[in-house]
Amino acid sequence: MMTSEKRSALVIGATGLVGEKVVAKLLSSEKYTHVKVLVRKPLTLSHPKLESILFDFDRPEPALVQADDVFCCLGTTMKKAGSKEAFYRVDYTYPYQIAEMALANGAKRFSIITAMGADRNSMFYYNRVKGEIEDALKKLGYDALLIFRPSLLLGDRKEARFGEKVGEKLSKFFRFLIPAKYRAIEADKVAEAMVSITASNVKGTLVYASDLMQEF
């Protein structure tokens, strides 16, 4: 059940495939009156509810990390990061630091995109890091920790990813053979699920795979 309570939101990873859509949905939502984004470079987007905050994730200022609800859409690839250390910094260190700061400043809900195969015991480094950040966030004590584990994300990316393009074509062709949980999902659907669920009064740690996100 939704309440008439008005909230503030903070987004990290606001320029990514899902992050951009999360920001747009927050700005159009009657639930949120103030939307902050932490960015390295100024956004070209302008909106009365939007506050774009230049932020150095390697030298964070805790006072800037303040909102009722936090949306973490940060994520990179091993290829783009260039090393395991750089990948870990973006997919674990930054999200965890933001989560700690936001909670200390009164945040109630933390929403994060990880991956379908997230598991701290995975043999794959990517999935292992995703599992580690999930486990670390569970220990912080948010009223609601909302974990979104999409399968292959569909949408127009700013950078070309050949492997994902091939996977996208194959997933569409064999869609009828793939269980709903493992089907590729539009980035817009993930964003809609994140905003809708976070804006509700759910509590506790909840995990959403692609099949559940498709309902939004």
Protein backbone atom coordinates (compact mmCIF):
# COMPACT_ATOMS: atom_id res chain seq x y z
CA MET A 1 0.00 0.00 0.00
CA MET A 2 1.34 3.42 -0.99
CA THR A 3 1.25 6.41 1.35
CA SER A 4 1.10 10.15 0.60
CA GLU A 5 4.59 10.56 2.05
CA LYS A 6 6.96 12.54 -0.17
CA ARG A 7 10.52 11.36 -0.47
CA SER A 8 13.93 12.34 -1.74
CA ALA A 9 15.98 10.01 -3.93
CA LEU A 10 19.67 9.74 -4.68
CA VAL A 11 21.02 7.93 -7.76
CA ILE A 12 24.52 6.72 -8.52
CA GLY A 13 25.26 5.40 -11.98
CA ALA A 14 22.76 7.90 -13.39
CA THR A 15 24.32 7.98 -16.86
CA GLY A 16 24.19 4.23 -17.44
CA LEU A 17 21.67 2.14 -19.38
CA VAL A 18 19.33 1.60 -16.41
CA GLY A 19 20.42 4.63 -14.40
CA GLU A 20 19.18 7.12 -16.99
CA LYS A 21 15.77 5.48 -17.00
CA VAL A 22 15.63 5.38 -13.21
CA VAL A 23 16.27 9.12 -13.09
CA ALA A 24 13.56 9.81 -15.68
CA LYS A 25 11.03 7.71 -13.75
CA LEU A 26 11.89 9.36 -10.46
CA LEU A 27 11.44 12.81 -11.99
CA SER A 28 8.01 11.88 -13.31
CA SER A 29 6.94 10.20 -10.05
CA GLU A 30 4.61 12.05 -7.69
CA LYS A 31 6.19 10.13 -4.83
CA TYR A 32 9.56 11.90 -5.11
CA THR A 33 9.93 15.65 -4.70
CA HIS A 34 13.74 15.83 -4.88
CA VAL A 35 16.05 13.71 -7.03
CA LYS A 36 19.81 13.93 -6.51
CA VAL A 37 22.39 12.37 -8.81
CA LEU A 38 26.05 11.95 -7.93
CA VAL A 39 28.07 12.40 -11.13
CA ARG A 40 31.65 13.01 -12.21
CA LYS A 41 30.55 15.39 -14.97
CA PRO A 42 27.55 17.74 -15.12
CA LEU A 43 24.39 16.27 -16.65
CA THR A 44 22.84 18.00 -19.64
CA LEU A 45 19.43 17.12 -18.23
CA SER A 46 17.53 19.89 -16.44
CA HIS A 47 14.42 19.51 -14.29
CA PRO A 48 12.94 21.43 -11.32
CA LYS A 49 13.22 18.36 -9.07
CA LEU A 50 16.73 17.40 -10.20
CA GLU A 51 19.92 18.25 -8.33
CA SER A 52 23.10 17.23 -10.12
CA ILE A 53 26.01 16.95 -7.67
CA LEU A 54 29.60 16.71 -8.86
CA PHE A 55 31.12 13.92 -6.82
CA ASP A 56 34.55 12.33 -6.53
CA PHE A 57 33.94 8.69 -5.64
CA ASP A 58 37.59 8.27 -4.68
CA ARG A 59 37.39 11.21 -2.26
CA PRO A 60 33.75 11.13 -1.20
CA GLU A 61 32.12 13.86 0.87
CA PRO A 62 29.67 12.10 3.22
CA ALA A 63 27.52 15.20 3.70
CA LEU A 64 26.51 15.05 0.02
CA VAL A 65 25.19 11.50 0.32
CA GLN A 66 21.79 12.18 1.80
CA ALA A 67 18.30 11.05 0.75
CA ASP A 68 15.44 8.83 1.86
CA ASP A 69 15.95 6.28 -0.91
CA VAL A 70 19.18 5.36 -2.70
CA PHE A 71 19.30 3.79 -6.16
CA CYS A 72 22.61 2.17 -7.11
CA CYS A 73 22.91 1.61 -10.84
CA LEU A 74 26.71 1.57 -10.91
CA GLY A 75 28.40 -1.20 -12.82
CA THR A 76 31.12 -1.85 -15.31
CA THR A 77 32.72 -4.76 -17.17
CA MET A 78 36.14 -6.31 -16.80
CA LYS A 79 37.03 -5.10 -20.28
CA LYS A 80 36.02 -1.51 -19.60
CA ALA A 81 37.52 -1.45 -16.10
CA GLY A 82 40.85 -2.80 -17.36
CA SER A 83 41.71 -4.80 -14.24
CA LYS A 84 40.15 -6.77 -11.41
CA GLU A 85 41.09 -4.02 -8.99
CA ALA A 86 39.34 -1.32 -11.03
CA PHE A 87 36.28 -3.53 -11.51
CA TYR A 88 36.09 -4.22 -7.76
CA ARG A 89 36.31 -0.51 -6.99
CA VAL A 90 33.30 0.35 -9.19
CA ASP A 91 31.13 -2.67 -8.40
CA TYR A 92 31.91 -3.12 -4.71
CA THR A 93 33.83 -0.27 -3.07
CA TYR A 94 31.80 2.65 -4.41
CA PRO A 95 28.36 1.12 -3.79
CA TYR A 96 29.31 0.02 -0.28
CA GLN A 97 30.77 3.41 0.67
CA ILE A 98 27.68 5.21 -0.62
CA ALA A 99 25.42 2.79 1.26
CA GLU A 100 27.31 3.39 4.52
CA MET A 101 27.26 7.18 4.14
CA ALA A 102 23.61 7.35 3.14
CA LEU A 103 22.54 5.14 6.04
CA ALA A 104 24.49 7.31 8.49
CA ASN A 105 22.65 10.31 7.04
CA GLY A 106 19.21 8.77 7.54
CA ALA A 107 18.47 6.80 4.36
CA LYS A 108 15.83 4.09 4.80
CA ARG A 109 15.90 2.14 1.54
CA PHE A 110 18.74 0.99 -0.72
CA SER A 111 18.04 -0.41 -4.18
CA ILE A 112 20.83 -1.99 -6.24
CA ILE A 113 21.30 -3.78 -9.56
CA THR A 114 23.62 -6.78 -9.32
CA ALA A 115 23.44 -9.80 -11.65
CA MET A 116 21.47 -12.98 -12.22
CA GLY A 117 24.42 -15.15 -11.16
CA ALA A 118 25.46 -13.12 -8.11
CA ASP A 119 27.12 -15.49 -5.63
CA ARG A 120 30.12 -14.81 -3.40
CA ASN A 121 31.20 -18.44 -3.96
CA SER A 122 30.98 -18.30 -7.74
CA MET A 123 33.94 -19.45 -9.82
CA PHE A 124 33.43 -16.37 -11.98
CA TYR A 125 34.97 -13.17 -10.64
CA TYR A 126 32.17 -10.94 -11.96
CA ASN A 127 29.45 -12.93 -10.20
CA ARG A 128 31.58 -13.34 -7.10
CA VAL A 129 31.96 -9.59 -6.63
CA LYS A 130 28.23 -9.10 -7.19
CA GLY A 131 27.55 -11.68 -4.50
CA GLU A 132 30.02 -10.04 -2.13
CA ILE A 133 28.40 -6.62 -2.39
CA GLU A 134 24.96 -8.15 -1.80
CA ASP A 135 26.18 -9.89 1.36
CA ALA A 136 27.95 -6.77 2.64
CA LEU A 137 24.87 -4.59 2.13
CA LYS A 138 22.67 -7.07 4.01
CA LYS A 139 24.70 -6.42 7.16
CA LEU A 140 24.19 -2.65 7.18
CA GLY A 141 20.65 -2.61 8.56
CA TYR A 142 18.55 -0.72 6.01
CA ASP A 143 14.78 -0.82 6.52
CA ALA A 144 14.63 -2.18 2.98
CA LEU A 145 17.43 -3.62 0.86
CA LEU A 146 16.13 -4.30 -2.64
CA ILE A 147 18.35 -6.39 -4.89
CA PHE A 148 17.62 -6.59 -8.60
CA ARG A 149 19.27 -9.42 -10.51
CA PRO A 150 18.47 -8.97 -14.19
CA SER A 151 19.49 -11.40 -16.90
CA LEU A 152 20.88 -9.89 -20.10
CA LEU A 153 19.88 -6.22 -20.27
CA LEU A 154 18.27 -4.96 -23.47
CA GLY A 155 18.51 -1.35 -24.60
CA ASP A 156 20.55 1.20 -26.49
CA ARG A 157 23.96 1.44 -24.89
CA LYS A 158 26.36 4.34 -25.33
CA GLU A 159 29.20 1.91 -25.94
CA ALA A 160 29.15 -1.09 -28.24
CA ARG A 161 29.36 -4.51 -26.54
CA PHE A 162 29.69 -7.13 -29.26
CA GLY A 163 29.13 -10.12 -26.98
CA GLU A 164 25.96 -8.64 -25.52
CA LYS A 165 24.63 -7.78 -28.98
CA VAL A 166 25.06 -11.39 -30.04
CA GLY A 167 23.46 -12.58 -26.81
CA GLU A 168 20.57 -10.19 -27.34
CA LYS A 169 19.85 -11.58 -30.81
CA LEU A 170 20.07 -15.18 -29.61
CA SER A 171 17.89 -14.55 -26.58
CA LYS A 172 15.16 -13.05 -28.74
CA PHE A 173 15.31 -15.93 -31.22
CA PHE A 174 15.16 -18.63 -28.53
CA ARG A 175 12.95 -16.70 -26.11
CA PHE A 176 10.20 -19.34 -26.12
CA LEU A 177 12.69 -21.96 -24.89
CA ILE A 178 14.14 -19.87 -22.07
CA PRO A 179 12.55 -19.94 -18.58
CA ALA A 180 11.16 -16.50 -17.62
CA LYS A 181 13.75 -16.05 -14.87
CA TYR A 182 16.59 -16.22 -17.40
CA ARG A 183 15.12 -14.24 -20.28
CA ALA A 184 16.71 -10.98 -21.37
CA ILE A 185 14.91 -7.94 -20.02
CA GLU A 186 14.49 -4.36 -21.20
CA ALA A 187 16.39 -1.81 -19.13
CA ASP A 188 13.18 0.20 -18.88
CA LYS A 189 11.47 -2.72 -17.12
CA VAL A 190 14.27 -2.93 -14.58
CA ALA A 191 14.07 0.80 -13.92
CA GLU A 192 10.29 0.66 -13.52
CA ALA A 193 10.56 -2.21 -11.05
CA MET A 194 13.27 -0.44 -9.04
CA VAL A 195 11.33 2.78 -8.69
CA SER A 196 7.91 1.19 -8.10
CA ILE A 197 9.10 -1.26 -5.46
CA THR A 198 11.38 1.19 -3.67
CA ALA A 199 8.59 3.76 -3.52
CA SER A 200 6.35 1.24 -1.77
CA ASN A 201 6.45 0.36 1.89
CA VAL A 202 8.18 -3.00 1.58
CA LYS A 203 10.72 -3.86 4.26
CA GLY A 204 13.53 -6.32 4.70
CA THR A 205 15.89 -7.81 2.13
CA LEU A 206 14.10 -8.69 -1.10
CA VAL A 207 15.57 -10.15 -4.29
CA TYR A 208 13.99 -9.74 -7.73
CA ALA A 209 14.98 -11.78 -10.78
CA SER A 210 13.97 -10.87 -14.34
CA ASP A 211 10.66 -12.75 -14.22
CA LEU A 212 9.43 -10.69 -11.26
CA MET A 213 10.62 -7.43 -12.83
CA GLN A 214 8.65 -8.19 -15.99
CA GLU A 215 5.45 -7.66 -14.00
CA PHE A 216 6.02 -3.91 -13.82
